[in-house]
Amino acid sequence: MIEEELKDRTKKLGLRVINLVNALPKSPSSDVIGRQLLRSGTSVGANYRAACREKSKRDFAHKLDIAIEETDESLYWMELIVEAELLPEERISALMQECDEIISILTASAITSRKNIAN
């Protein structure tokens, strides 16, 4: 995948997360989970963009790891939303799938980066 395509995809992820959080019912648990999801979901694209401006190969790999962690954390909060029945799974299953795909793409890139560092 081309760098610019992944930048766009991770930004769209953040925008979709914003819309999801805005759709949560008003309750104390939704507020807490929503803030956590908003923080992690919008940071994926920011961390990927930072990785693209790497200072070194190690810096690139490290920032990719952060983006992977934030994407996985976002997925966790979405799982809680479904399991707590705050929103139906059908409402967020496509977004959860997008998180899975982004994790796979970023992980493959991080593995390649580490191999390049080792060589």
PDB file of N, CA and C in Angstrom:
ATOM      1  N   MET A   1       0.850  -1.180   0.000  1.00  0.00           N
ATOM      2  CA  MET A   1       0.000   0.000   0.000  1.00  0.00           C
ATOM      3  C   MET A   1       0.892   1.240   0.000  1.00  0.00           C
ATOM      4  N   ILE A   2       0.509   2.214  -0.771  1.00  0.00           N
ATOM      5  CA  ILE A   2       1.265   3.457  -0.874  1.00  0.00           C
ATOM      6  C   ILE A   2       1.073   4.277   0.403  1.00  0.00           C
ATOM      7  N   GLU A   3       2.148   4.940   0.826  1.00  0.00           N
ATOM      8  CA  GLU A   3       2.146   5.734   2.059  1.00  0.00           C
ATOM      9  C   GLU A   3       0.964   6.705   2.111  1.00  0.00           C
ATOM     10  N   GLU A   4       0.707   7.421   1.026  1.00  0.00           N
ATOM     11  CA  GLU A   4      -0.380   8.405   1.017  1.00  0.00           C
ATOM     12  C   GLU A   4      -1.744   7.737   1.183  1.00  0.00           C
ATOM     13  N   GLU A   5      -1.904   6.554   0.627  1.00  0.00           N
ATOM     14  CA  GLU A   5      -3.172   5.829   0.783  1.00  0.00           C
ATOM     15  C   GLU A   5      -3.402   5.459   2.239  1.00  0.00           C
ATOM     16  N   LEU A   6      -2.344   5.030   2.918  1.00  0.00           N
ATOM     17  CA  LEU A   6      -2.490   4.648   4.323  1.00  0.00           C
ATOM     18  C   LEU A   6      -2.691   5.885   5.200  1.00  0.00           C
ATOM     19  N   LYS A   7      -2.064   6.990   4.850  1.00  0.00           N
ATOM     20  CA  LYS A   7      -2.329   8.241   5.571  1.00  0.00           C
ATOM     21  C   LYS A   7      -3.805   8.600   5.473  1.00  0.00           C
ATOM     22  N   ASP A   8      -4.361   8.499   4.273  1.00  0.00           N
ATOM     23  CA  ASP A   8      -5.768   8.811   4.055  1.00  0.00           C
ATOM     24  C   ASP A   8      -6.659   7.829   4.817  1.00  0.00           C
ATOM     25  N   ARG A   9      -6.310   6.568   4.760  1.00  0.00           N
ATOM     26  CA  ARG A   9      -7.117   5.536   5.415  1.00  0.00           C
ATOM     27  C   ARG A   9      -7.122   5.723   6.935  1.00  0.00           C
ATOM     28  N   THR A  10      -5.976   6.053   7.513  1.00  0.00           N
ATOM     29  CA  THR A  10      -5.926   6.240   8.967  1.00  0.00           C
ATOM     30  C   THR A  10      -6.628   7.532   9.389  1.00  0.00           C
ATOM     31  N   LYS A  11      -6.604   8.547   8.527  1.00  0.00           N
ATOM     32  CA  LYS A  11      -7.355   9.769   8.835  1.00  0.00           C
ATOM     33  C   LYS A  11      -8.851   9.484   8.795  1.00  0.00           C
ATOM     34  N   LYS A  12      -9.294   8.726   7.781  1.00  0.00           N
ATOM     35  CA  LYS A  12     -10.708   8.369   7.691  1.00  0.00           C
ATOM     36  C   LYS A  12     -11.136   7.532   8.887  1.00  0.00           C
ATOM     37  N   LEU A  13     -10.236   6.693   9.377  1.00  0.00           N
ATOM     38  CA  LEU A  13     -10.528   5.927  10.591  1.00  0.00           C
ATOM     39  C   LEU A  13     -10.837   6.887  11.740  1.00  0.00           C
ATOM     40  N   GLY A  14      -9.998   7.889  11.903  1.00  0.00           N
ATOM     41  CA  GLY A  14     -10.215   8.877  12.957  1.00  0.00           C
ATOM     42  C   GLY A  14     -11.550   9.590  12.819  1.00  0.00           C
ATOM     43  N   LEU A  15     -11.901   9.961  11.598  1.00  0.00           N
ATOM     44  CA  LEU A  15     -13.180  10.638  11.367  1.00  0.00           C
ATOM     45  C   LEU A  15     -14.357   9.715  11.672  1.00  0.00           C
ATOM     46  N   ARG A  16     -14.223   8.456  11.306  1.00  0.00           N
ATOM     47  CA  ARG A  16     -15.291   7.482  11.597  1.00  0.00           C
ATOM     48  C   ARG A  16     -15.421   7.266  13.107  1.00  0.00           C
ATOM     49  N   VAL A  17     -14.305   7.267  13.810  1.00  0.00           N
ATOM     50  CA  VAL A  17     -14.336   7.132  15.271  1.00  0.00           C
ATOM     51  C   VAL A  17     -15.048   8.337  15.890  1.00  0.00           C
ATOM     52  N   ILE A  18     -14.758   9.535  15.391  1.00  0.00           N
ATOM     53  CA  ILE A  18     -15.441  10.735  15.897  1.00  0.00           C
ATOM     54  C   ILE A  18     -16.948  10.582  15.741  1.00  0.00           C
ATOM     55  N   ASN A  19     -17.387  10.133  14.559  1.00  0.00           N
ATOM     56  CA  ASN A  19     -18.826   9.940  14.323  1.00  0.00           C
ATOM     57  C   ASN A  19     -19.414   8.878  15.242  1.00  0.00           C
ATOM     58  N   LEU A  20     -18.658   7.809  15.467  1.00  0.00           N
ATOM     59  CA  LEU A  20     -19.125   6.747  16.359  1.00  0.00           C
ATOM     60  C   LEU A  20     -19.292   7.271  17.783  1.00  0.00           C
ATOM     61  N   VAL A  21     -18.303   7.979  18.270  1.00  0.00           N
ATOM     62  CA  VAL A  21     -18.379   8.511  19.636  1.00  0.00           C
ATOM     63  C   VAL A  21     -19.563   9.470  19.763  1.00  0.00           C
ATOM     64  N   ASN A  22     -19.798  10.270  18.749  1.00  0.00           N
ATOM     65  CA  ASN A  22     -20.937  11.196  18.783  1.00  0.00           C
ATOM     66  C   ASN A  22     -22.276  10.464  18.780  1.00  0.00           C
ATOM     67  N   ALA A  23     -22.295   9.217  18.298  1.00  0.00           N
ATOM     68  CA  ALA A  23     -23.530   8.427  18.246  1.00  0.00           C
ATOM     69  C   ALA A  23     -23.803   7.646  19.533  1.00  0.00           C
ATOM     70  N   LEU A  24     -22.853   7.625  20.444  1.00  0.00           N
ATOM     71  CA  LEU A  24     -23.052   6.882  21.690  1.00  0.00           C
ATOM     72  C   LEU A  24     -24.162   7.517  22.522  1.00  0.00           C
ATOM     73  N   PRO A  25     -24.911   6.682  23.241  1.00  0.00           N
ATOM     74  CA  PRO A  25     -25.943   7.245  24.126  1.00  0.00           C
ATOM     75  C   PRO A  25     -25.281   8.039  25.250  1.00  0.00           C
ATOM     76  N   LYS A  26     -25.997   8.984  25.774  1.00  0.00           N
ATOM     77  CA  LYS A  26     -25.465   9.802  26.872  1.00  0.00           C
ATOM     78  C   LYS A  26     -25.599   9.028  28.181  1.00  0.00           C
ATOM     79  N   SER A  27     -24.453   8.625  28.731  1.00  0.00           N
ATOM     80  CA  SER A  27     -24.416   7.927  30.011  1.00  0.00           C
ATOM     81  C   SER A  27     -22.994   8.031  30.550  1.00  0.00           C
ATOM     82  N   PRO A  28     -22.809   7.821  31.848  1.00  0.00           N
ATOM     83  CA  PRO A  28     -21.449   7.883  32.400  1.00  0.00           C
ATOM     84  C   PRO A  28     -20.493   6.895  31.737  1.00  0.00           C
ATOM     85  N   SER A  29     -20.941   5.667  31.493  1.00  0.00           N
ATOM     86  CA  SER A  29     -20.047   4.684  30.885  1.00  0.00           C
ATOM     87  C   SER A  29     -19.730   5.049  29.437  1.00  0.00           C
ATOM     88  N   SER A  30     -20.706   5.525  28.703  1.00  0.00           N
ATOM     89  CA  SER A  30     -20.464   5.946  27.323  1.00  0.00           C
ATOM     90  C   SER A  30     -19.483   7.108  27.259  1.00  0.00           C
ATOM     91  N   ASP A  31     -19.604   8.013  28.223  1.00  0.00           N
ATOM     92  CA  ASP A  31     -18.691   9.162  28.250  1.00  0.00           C
ATOM     93  C   ASP A  31     -17.245   8.713  28.443  1.00  0.00           C
ATOM     94  N   VAL A  32     -17.022   7.804  29.384  1.00  0.00           N
ATOM     95  CA  VAL A  32     -15.669   7.324  29.664  1.00  0.00           C
ATOM     96  C   VAL A  32     -15.122   6.528  28.482  1.00  0.00           C
ATOM     97  N   ILE A  33     -15.898   5.574  27.998  1.00  0.00           N
ATOM     98  CA  ILE A  33     -15.457   4.744  26.878  1.00  0.00           C
ATOM     99  C   ILE A  33     -15.279   5.613  25.632  1.00  0.00           C
ATOM    100  N   GLY A  34     -16.194   6.535  25.420  1.00  0.00           N
ATOM    101  CA  GLY A  34     -16.110   7.417  24.261  1.00  0.00           C
ATOM    102  C   GLY A  34     -14.845   8.256  24.262  1.00  0.00           C
ATOM    103  N   ARG A  35     -14.488   8.806  25.406  1.00  0.00           N
ATOM    104  CA  ARG A  35     -13.249   9.602  25.494  1.00  0.00           C
ATOM    105  C   ARG A  35     -12.027   8.747  25.191  1.00  0.00           C
ATOM    106  N   GLN A  36     -12.013   7.539  25.723  1.00  0.00           N
ATOM    107  CA  GLN A  36     -10.882   6.635  25.486  1.00  0.00           C
ATOM    108  C   GLN A  36     -10.780   6.285  23.997  1.00  0.00           C
ATOM    109  N   LEU A  37     -11.923   5.950  23.402  1.00  0.00           N
ATOM    110  CA  LEU A  37     -11.944   5.600  21.985  1.00  0.00           C
ATOM    111  C   LEU A  37     -11.557   6.800  21.128  1.00  0.00           C
ATOM    112  N   LEU A  38     -12.060   7.954  21.473  1.00  0.00           N
ATOM    113  CA  LEU A  38     -11.730   9.165  20.722  1.00  0.00           C
ATOM    114  C   LEU A  38     -10.231   9.432  20.747  1.00  0.00           C
ATOM    115  N   ARG A  39      -9.616   9.269  21.903  1.00  0.00           N
ATOM    116  CA  ARG A  39      -8.178   9.492  22.038  1.00  0.00           C
ATOM    117  C   ARG A  39      -7.385   8.497  21.202  1.00  0.00           C
ATOM    118  N   SER A  40      -7.695   7.213  21.359  1.00  0.00           N
ATOM    119  CA  SER A  40      -6.912   6.203  20.643  1.00  0.00           C
ATOM    120  C   SER A  40      -7.213   6.194  19.150  1.00  0.00           C
ATOM    121  N   GLY A  41      -8.468   6.319  18.783  1.00  0.00           N
ATOM    122  CA  GLY A  41      -8.856   6.239  17.374  1.00  0.00           C
ATOM    123  C   GLY A  41      -8.343   7.386  16.528  1.00  0.00           C
ATOM    124  N   THR A  42      -8.254   8.572  17.125  1.00  0.00           N
ATOM    125  CA  THR A  42      -7.748   9.715  16.363  1.00  0.00           C
ATOM    126  C   THR A  42      -6.231   9.783  16.372  1.00  0.00           C
ATOM    127  N   SER A  43      -5.594   9.050  17.259  1.00  0.00           N
ATOM    128  CA  SER A  43      -4.127   9.094  17.311  1.00  0.00           C
ATOM    129  C   SER A  43      -3.473   8.131  16.317  1.00  0.00           C
ATOM    130  N   VAL A  44      -4.231   7.192  15.756  1.00  0.00           N
ATOM    131  CA  VAL A  44      -3.663   6.235  14.804  1.00  0.00           C
ATOM    132  C   VAL A  44      -3.053   6.968  13.624  1.00  0.00           C
ATOM    133  N   GLY A  45      -3.832   7.828  12.998  1.00  0.00           N
ATOM    134  CA  GLY A  45      -3.342   8.581  11.847  1.00  0.00           C
ATOM    135  C   GLY A  45      -2.211   9.519  12.203  1.00  0.00           C
ATOM    136  N   ALA A  46      -2.302  10.160  13.361  1.00  0.00           N
ATOM    137  CA  ALA A  46      -1.236  11.076  13.782  1.00  0.00           C
ATOM    138  C   ALA A  46       0.077  10.326  13.981  1.00  0.00           C
ATOM    139  N   ASN A  47       0.005   9.156  14.583  1.00  0.00           N
ATOM    140  CA  ASN A  47       1.219   8.369  14.798  1.00  0.00           C
ATOM    141  C   ASN A  47       1.774   7.805  13.498  1.00  0.00           C
ATOM    142  N   TYR A  48       0.887   7.415  12.580  1.00  0.00           N
ATOM    143  CA  TYR A  48       1.384   6.933  11.292  1.00  0.00           C
ATOM    144  C   TYR A  48       2.063   8.064  10.527  1.00  0.00           C
ATOM    145  N   ARG A  49       1.476   9.250  10.552  1.00  0.00           N
ATOM    146  CA  ARG A  49       2.108  10.397   9.881  1.00  0.00           C
ATOM    147  C   ARG A  49       3.462  10.705  10.500  1.00  0.00           C
ATOM    148  N   ALA A  50       3.556  10.599  11.816  1.00  0.00           N
ATOM    149  CA  ALA A  50       4.842  10.822  12.480  1.00  0.00           C
ATOM    150  C   ALA A  50       5.862   9.772  12.041  1.00  0.00           C
ATOM    151  N   ALA A  51       5.409   8.548  11.865  1.00  0.00           N
ATOM    152  CA  ALA A  51       6.315   7.485  11.411  1.00  0.00           C
ATOM    153  C   ALA A  51       6.845   7.796  10.017  1.00  0.00           C
ATOM    154  N   CYS A  52       6.004   8.370   9.189  1.00  0.00           N
ATOM    155  CA  CYS A  52       6.420   8.701   7.822  1.00  0.00           C
ATOM    156  C   CYS A  52       7.472   9.813   7.789  1.00  0.00           C
ATOM    157  N   ARG A  53       7.592  10.554   8.862  1.00  0.00           N
ATOM    158  CA  ARG A  53       8.615  11.598   8.964  1.00  0.00           C
ATOM    159  C   ARG A  53       9.776  11.129   9.839  1.00  0.00           C
ATOM    160  N   GLU A  54      10.049   9.843   9.787  1.00  0.00           N
ATOM    161  CA  GLU A  54      11.027   9.234  10.687  1.00  0.00           C
ATOM    162  C   GLU A  54      12.406   9.883  10.583  1.00  0.00           C
ATOM    163  N   LYS A  55      13.086   9.834  11.701  1.00  0.00           N
ATOM    164  CA  LYS A  55      14.465  10.317  11.759  1.00  0.00           C
ATOM    165  C   LYS A  55      15.448   9.184  11.485  1.00  0.00           C
ATOM    166  N   SER A  56      14.982   7.965  11.718  1.00  0.00           N
ATOM    167  CA  SER A  56      15.819   6.784  11.500  1.00  0.00           C
ATOM    168  C   SER A  56      14.903   5.591  11.280  1.00  0.00           C
ATOM    169  N   LYS A  57      15.485   4.487  10.848  1.00  0.00           N
ATOM    170  CA  LYS A  57      14.703   3.263  10.654  1.00  0.00           C
ATOM    171  C   LYS A  57      14.117   2.775  11.976  1.00  0.00           C
ATOM    172  N   ARG A  58      14.884   2.913  13.054  1.00  0.00           N
ATOM    173  CA  ARG A  58      14.385   2.497  14.381  1.00  0.00           C
ATOM    174  C   ARG A  58      13.218   3.384  14.826  1.00  0.00           C
ATOM    175  N   ASP A  59      13.332   4.680  14.549  1.00  0.00           N
ATOM    176  CA  ASP A  59      12.268   5.615  14.886  1.00  0.00           C
ATOM    177  C   ASP A  59      10.991   5.252  14.120  1.00  0.00           C
ATOM    178  N   PHE A  60      11.142   4.915  12.848  1.00  0.00           N
ATOM    179  CA  PHE A  60      10.003   4.504  12.028  1.00  0.00           C
ATOM    180  C   PHE A  60       9.315   3.284  12.645  1.00  0.00           C
ATOM    181  N   ALA A  61      10.092   2.266  12.968  1.00  0.00           N
ATOM    182  CA  ALA A  61       9.534   1.038  13.542  1.00  0.00           C
ATOM    183  C   ALA A  61       8.849   1.323  14.880  1.00  0.00           C
ATOM    184  N   HIS A  62       9.462   2.167  15.696  1.00  0.00           N
ATOM    185  CA  HIS A  62       8.887   2.507  17.002  1.00  0.00           C
ATOM    186  C   HIS A  62       7.545   3.221  16.838  1.00  0.00           C
ATOM    187  N   LYS A  63       7.483   4.171  15.934  1.00  0.00           N
ATOM    188  CA  LYS A  63       6.236   4.916  15.743  1.00  0.00           C
ATOM    189  C   LYS A  63       5.157   4.034  15.120  1.00  0.00           C
ATOM    190  N   LEU A  64       5.562   3.095  14.271  1.00  0.00           N
ATOM    191  CA  LEU A  64       4.580   2.131  13.758  1.00  0.00           C
ATOM    192  C   LEU A  64       4.008   1.299  14.897  1.00  0.00           C
ATOM    193  N   ASP A  65       4.869   0.894  15.823  1.00  0.00           N
ATOM    194  CA  ASP A  65       4.403   0.115  16.979  1.00  0.00           C
ATOM    195  C   ASP A  65       3.361   0.892  17.774  1.00  0.00           C
ATOM    196  N   ILE A  66       3.587   2.186  17.943  1.00  0.00           N
ATOM    197  CA  ILE A  66       2.620   3.018  18.670  1.00  0.00           C
ATOM    198  C   ILE A  66       1.291   3.070  17.917  1.00  0.00           C
ATOM    199  N   ALA A  67       1.354   3.231  16.605  1.00  0.00           N
ATOM    200  CA  ALA A  67       0.124   3.264  15.801  1.00  0.00           C
ATOM    201  C   ALA A  67      -0.619   1.929  15.896  1.00  0.00           C
ATOM    202  N   ILE A  68       0.131   0.827  15.904  1.00  0.00           N
ATOM    203  CA  ILE A  68      -0.494  -0.496  16.056  1.00  0.00           C
ATOM    204  C   ILE A  68      -1.187  -0.602  17.409  1.00  0.00           C
ATOM    205  N   GLU A  69      -0.504  -0.179  18.454  1.00  0.00           N
ATOM    206  CA  GLU A  69      -1.088  -0.236  19.803  1.00  0.00           C
ATOM    207  C   GLU A  69      -2.354   0.604  19.895  1.00  0.00           C
ATOM    208  N   GLU A  70      -2.339   1.788  19.314  1.00  0.00           N
ATOM    209  CA  GLU A  70      -3.509   2.668  19.371  1.00  0.00           C
ATOM    210  C   GLU A  70      -4.676   2.083  18.574  1.00  0.00           C
ATOM    211  N   THR A  71      -4.387   1.447  17.447  1.00  0.00           N
ATOM    212  CA  THR A  71      -5.446   0.817  16.659  1.00  0.00           C
ATOM    213  C   THR A  71      -6.050  -0.347  17.429  1.00  0.00           C
ATOM    214  N   ASP A  72      -5.192  -1.153  18.052  1.00  0.00           N
ATOM    215  CA  ASP A  72      -5.680  -2.289  18.839  1.00  0.00           C
ATOM    216  C   ASP A  72      -6.486  -1.803  20.041  1.00  0.00           C
ATOM    217  N   GLU A  73      -6.047  -0.729  20.670  1.00  0.00           N
ATOM    218  CA  GLU A  73      -6.796  -0.176  21.790  1.00  0.00           C
ATOM    219  C   GLU A  73      -8.170   0.311  21.323  1.00  0.00           C
ATOM    220  N   SER A  74      -8.213   0.936  20.166  1.00  0.00           N
ATOM    221  CA  SER A  74      -9.492   1.392  19.609  1.00  0.00           C
ATOM    222  C   SER A  74     -10.434   0.213  19.408  1.00  0.00           C
ATOM    223  N   LEU A  75      -9.887  -0.861  18.891  1.00  0.00           N
ATOM    224  CA  LEU A  75     -10.673  -2.071  18.687  1.00  0.00           C
ATOM    225  C   LEU A  75     -11.222  -2.584  20.021  1.00  0.00           C
ATOM    226  N   TYR A  76     -10.407  -2.543  21.054  1.00  0.00           N
ATOM    227  CA  TYR A  76     -10.837  -2.969  22.394  1.00  0.00           C
ATOM    228  C   TYR A  76     -12.052  -2.147  22.859  1.00  0.00           C
ATOM    229  N   TRP A  77     -11.965  -0.820  22.716  1.00  0.00           N
ATOM    230  CA  TRP A  77     -13.071   0.027  23.169  1.00  0.00           C
ATOM    231  C   TRP A  77     -14.334  -0.245  22.362  1.00  0.00           C
ATOM    232  N   MET A  78     -14.180  -0.519  21.073  1.00  0.00           N
ATOM    233  CA  MET A  78     -15.348  -0.851  20.253  1.00  0.00           C
ATOM    234  C   MET A  78     -15.964  -2.184  20.689  1.00  0.00           C
ATOM    235  N   GLU A  79     -15.118  -3.146  21.038  1.00  0.00           N
ATOM    236  CA  GLU A  79     -15.632  -4.422  21.548  1.00  0.00           C
ATOM    237  C   GLU A  79     -16.438  -4.188  22.823  1.00  0.00           C
ATOM    238  N   LEU A  80     -15.941  -3.319  23.699  1.00  0.00           N
ATOM    239  CA  LEU A  80     -16.684  -3.005  24.927  1.00  0.00           C
ATOM    240  C   LEU A  80     -18.024  -2.343  24.616  1.00  0.00           C
ATOM    241  N   ILE A  81     -18.027  -1.465  23.629  1.00  0.00           N
ATOM    242  CA  ILE A  81     -19.279  -0.805  23.242  1.00  0.00           C
ATOM    243  C   ILE A  81     -20.319  -1.839  22.829  1.00  0.00           C
ATOM    244  N   VAL A  82     -19.896  -2.810  22.047  1.00  0.00           N
ATOM    245  CA  VAL A  82     -20.818  -3.856  21.596  1.00  0.00           C
ATOM    246  C   VAL A  82     -21.243  -4.736  22.768  1.00  0.00           C
ATOM    247  N   GLU A  83     -20.269  -5.199  23.548  1.00  0.00           N
ATOM    248  CA  GLU A  83     -20.584  -6.124  24.643  1.00  0.00           C
ATOM    249  C   GLU A  83     -21.392  -5.465  25.748  1.00  0.00           C
ATOM    250  N   ALA A  84     -21.236  -4.160  25.935  1.00  0.00           N
ATOM    251  CA  ALA A  84     -22.040  -3.436  26.925  1.00  0.00           C
ATOM    252  C   ALA A  84     -23.388  -3.004  26.338  1.00  0.00           C
ATOM    253  N   GLU A  85     -23.593  -3.347  25.070  1.00  0.00           N
ATOM    254  CA  GLU A  85     -24.832  -3.032  24.363  1.00  0.00           C
ATOM    255  C   GLU A  85     -25.116  -1.538  24.304  1.00  0.00           C
ATOM    256  N   LEU A  86     -24.042  -0.768  24.149  1.00  0.00           N
ATOM    257  CA  LEU A  86     -24.206   0.677  23.981  1.00  0.00           C
ATOM    258  C   LEU A  86     -24.622   1.005  22.550  1.00  0.00           C
ATOM    259  N   LEU A  87     -24.141   0.208  21.608  1.00  0.00           N
ATOM    260  CA  LEU A  87     -24.543   0.292  20.204  1.00  0.00           C
ATOM    261  C   LEU A  87     -24.580  -1.127  19.651  1.00  0.00           C
ATOM    262  N   PRO A  88     -25.431  -1.376  18.660  1.00  0.00           N
ATOM    263  CA  PRO A  88     -25.466  -2.724  18.080  1.00  0.00           C
ATOM    264  C   PRO A  88     -24.203  -2.998  17.256  1.00  0.00           C
ATOM    265  N   GLU A  89     -23.816  -4.258  17.223  1.00  0.00           N
ATOM    266  CA  GLU A  89     -22.607  -4.650  16.497  1.00  0.00           C
ATOM    267  C   GLU A  89     -22.676  -4.259  15.025  1.00  0.00           C
ATOM    268  N   GLU A  90     -23.857  -4.356  14.426  1.00  0.00           N
ATOM    269  CA  GLU A  90     -23.999  -3.999  13.009  1.00  0.00           C
ATOM    270  C   GLU A  90     -23.581  -2.556  12.760  1.00  0.00           C
ATOM    271  N   ARG A  91     -23.741  -1.716  13.752  1.00  0.00           N
ATOM    272  CA  ARG A  91     -23.416  -0.280  13.614  1.00  0.00           C
ATOM    273  C   ARG A  91     -21.912  -0.046  13.504  1.00  0.00           C
ATOM    274  N   ILE A  92     -21.107  -0.942  14.118  1.00  0.00           N
ATOM    275  CA  ILE A  92     -19.665  -0.678  14.143  1.00  0.00           C
ATOM    276  C   ILE A  92     -18.804  -1.827  13.611  1.00  0.00           C
ATOM    277  N   SER A  93     -19.434  -2.872  13.106  1.00  0.00           N
ATOM    278  CA  SER A  93     -18.640  -4.020  12.636  1.00  0.00           C
ATOM    279  C   SER A  93     -17.697  -3.648  11.492  1.00  0.00           C
ATOM    280  N   ALA A  94     -18.132  -2.793  10.577  1.00  0.00           N
ATOM    281  CA  ALA A  94     -17.252  -2.389   9.464  1.00  0.00           C
ATOM    282  C   ALA A  94     -16.056  -1.595   9.981  1.00  0.00           C
ATOM    283  N   LEU A  95     -16.271  -0.767  10.978  1.00  0.00           N
ATOM    284  CA  LEU A  95     -15.177   0.008  11.569  1.00  0.00           C
ATOM    285  C   LEU A  95     -14.211  -0.910  12.317  1.00  0.00           C
ATOM    286  N   MET A  96     -14.748  -1.916  12.980  1.00  0.00           N
ATOM    287  CA  MET A  96     -13.897  -2.886  13.663  1.00  0.00           C
ATOM    288  C   MET A  96     -13.063  -3.661  12.640  1.00  0.00           C
ATOM    289  N   GLN A  97     -13.664  -4.011  11.519  1.00  0.00           N
ATOM    290  CA  GLN A  97     -12.927  -4.697  10.449  1.00  0.00           C
ATOM    291  C   GLN A  97     -11.817  -3.808   9.898  1.00  0.00           C
ATOM    292  N   GLU A  98     -12.101  -2.531   9.751  1.00  0.00           N
ATOM    293  CA  GLU A  98     -11.085  -1.593   9.278  1.00  0.00           C
ATOM    294  C   GLU A  98      -9.908  -1.549  10.256  1.00  0.00           C
ATOM    295  N   CYS A  99     -10.188  -1.559  11.543  1.00  0.00           N
ATOM    296  CA  CYS A  99      -9.109  -1.599  12.543  1.00  0.00           C
ATOM    297  C   CYS A  99      -8.264  -2.851  12.377  1.00  0.00           C
ATOM    298  N   ASP A 100      -8.915  -3.993  12.203  1.00  0.00           N
ATOM    299  CA  ASP A 100      -8.183  -5.247  11.990  1.00  0.00           C
ATOM    300  C   ASP A 100      -7.279  -5.152  10.767  1.00  0.00           C
ATOM    301  N   GLU A 101      -7.804  -4.600   9.686  1.00  0.00           N
ATOM    302  CA  GLU A 101      -7.017  -4.485   8.463  1.00  0.00           C
ATOM    303  C   GLU A 101      -5.834  -3.529   8.636  1.00  0.00           C
ATOM    304  N   ILE A 102      -6.067  -2.421   9.302  1.00  0.00           N
ATOM    305  CA  ILE A 102      -4.979  -1.459   9.537  1.00  0.00           C
ATOM    306  C   ILE A 102      -3.909  -2.078  10.427  1.00  0.00           C
ATOM    307  N   ILE A 103      -4.321  -2.820  11.438  1.00  0.00           N
ATOM    308  CA  ILE A 103      -3.349  -3.514  12.292  1.00  0.00           C
ATOM    309  C   ILE A 103      -2.502  -4.456  11.446  1.00  0.00           C
ATOM    310  N   SER A 104      -3.124  -5.201  10.558  1.00  0.00           N
ATOM    311  CA  SER A 104      -2.382  -6.135   9.704  1.00  0.00           C
ATOM    312  C   SER A 104      -1.389  -5.411   8.799  1.00  0.00           C
ATOM    313  N   ILE A 105      -1.813  -4.329   8.193  1.00  0.00           N
ATOM    314  CA  ILE A 105      -0.947  -3.561   7.295  1.00  0.00           C
ATOM    315  C   ILE A 105       0.235  -2.973   8.065  1.00  0.00           C
ATOM    316  N   LEU A 106      -0.060  -2.346   9.203  1.00  0.00           N
ATOM    317  CA  LEU A 106       1.007  -1.720   9.992  1.00  0.00           C
ATOM    318  C   LEU A 106       1.969  -2.761  10.553  1.00  0.00           C
ATOM    319  N   THR A 107       1.437  -3.898  10.963  1.00  0.00           N
ATOM    320  CA  THR A 107       2.287  -4.969  11.496  1.00  0.00           C
ATOM    321  C   THR A 107       3.222  -5.496  10.424  1.00  0.00           C
ATOM    322  N   ALA A 108       2.706  -5.708   9.227  1.00  0.00           N
ATOM    323  CA  ALA A 108       3.562  -6.176   8.131  1.00  0.00           C
ATOM    324  C   ALA A 108       4.661  -5.160   7.834  1.00  0.00           C
ATOM    325  N   SER A 109       4.307  -3.893   7.863  1.00  0.00           N
ATOM    326  CA  SER A 109       5.296  -2.842   7.619  1.00  0.00           C
ATOM    327  C   SER A 109       6.344  -2.805   8.726  1.00  0.00           C
ATOM    328  N   ALA A 110       5.921  -2.980   9.961  1.00  0.00           N
ATOM    329  CA  ALA A 110       6.857  -2.982  11.087  1.00  0.00           C
ATOM    330  C   ALA A 110       7.810  -4.172  11.000  1.00  0.00           C
ATOM    331  N   ILE A 111       7.309  -5.332  10.614  1.00  0.00           N
ATOM    332  CA  ILE A 111       8.147  -6.518  10.465  1.00  0.00           C
ATOM    333  C   ILE A 111       9.198  -6.275   9.379  1.00  0.00           C
ATOM    334  N   THR A 112       8.762  -5.738   8.258  1.00  0.00           N
ATOM    335  CA  THR A 112       9.693  -5.422   7.163  1.00  0.00           C
ATOM    336  C   THR A 112      10.737  -4.412   7.621  1.00  0.00           C
ATOM    337  N   SER A 113      10.294  -3.420   8.347  1.00  0.00           N
ATOM    338  CA  SER A 113      11.218  -2.389   8.843  1.00  0.00           C
ATOM    339  C   SER A 113      12.276  -2.999   9.766  1.00  0.00           C
ATOM    340  N   ARG A 114      11.851  -3.885  10.648  1.00  0.00           N
ATOM    341  CA  ARG A 114      12.801  -4.523  11.577  1.00  0.00           C
ATOM    342  C   ARG A 114      13.794  -5.405  10.819  1.00  0.00           C
ATOM    343  N   LYS A 115      13.320  -6.074   9.780  1.00  0.00           N
ATOM    344  CA  LYS A 115      14.235  -6.893   8.954  1.00  0.00           C
ATOM    345  C   LYS A 115      15.264  -5.994   8.284  1.00  0.00           C
ATOM    346  N   ASN A 116      14.836  -4.829   7.810  1.00  0.00           N
ATOM    347  CA  ASN A 116      15.766  -3.897   7.170  1.00  0.00           C
ATOM    348  C   ASN A 116      16.776  -3.345   8.164  1.00  0.00           C
ATOM    349  N   ILE A 117      16.359  -3.144   9.398  1.00  0.00           N
ATOM    350  CA  ILE A 117      17.276  -2.668  10.436  1.00  0.00           C
ATOM    351  C   ILE A 117      18.327  -3.729  10.716  1.00  0.00           C
ATOM    352  N   ALA A 118      17.876  -4.972  10.766  1.00  0.00           N
ATOM    353  CA  ALA A 118      18.788  -6.086  11.089  1.00  0.00           C
ATOM    354  C   ALA A 118      19.826  -6.334   9.989  1.00  0.00           C
ATOM    355  N   ASN A 119      19.479  -5.983   8.759  1.00  0.00           N
ATOM    356  CA  ASN A 119      20.393  -6.219   7.626  1.00  0.00           C
ATOM    357  C   ASN A 119      21.359  -5.118   7.402  1.00  0.00           C
TER     358      ASN A 119
END
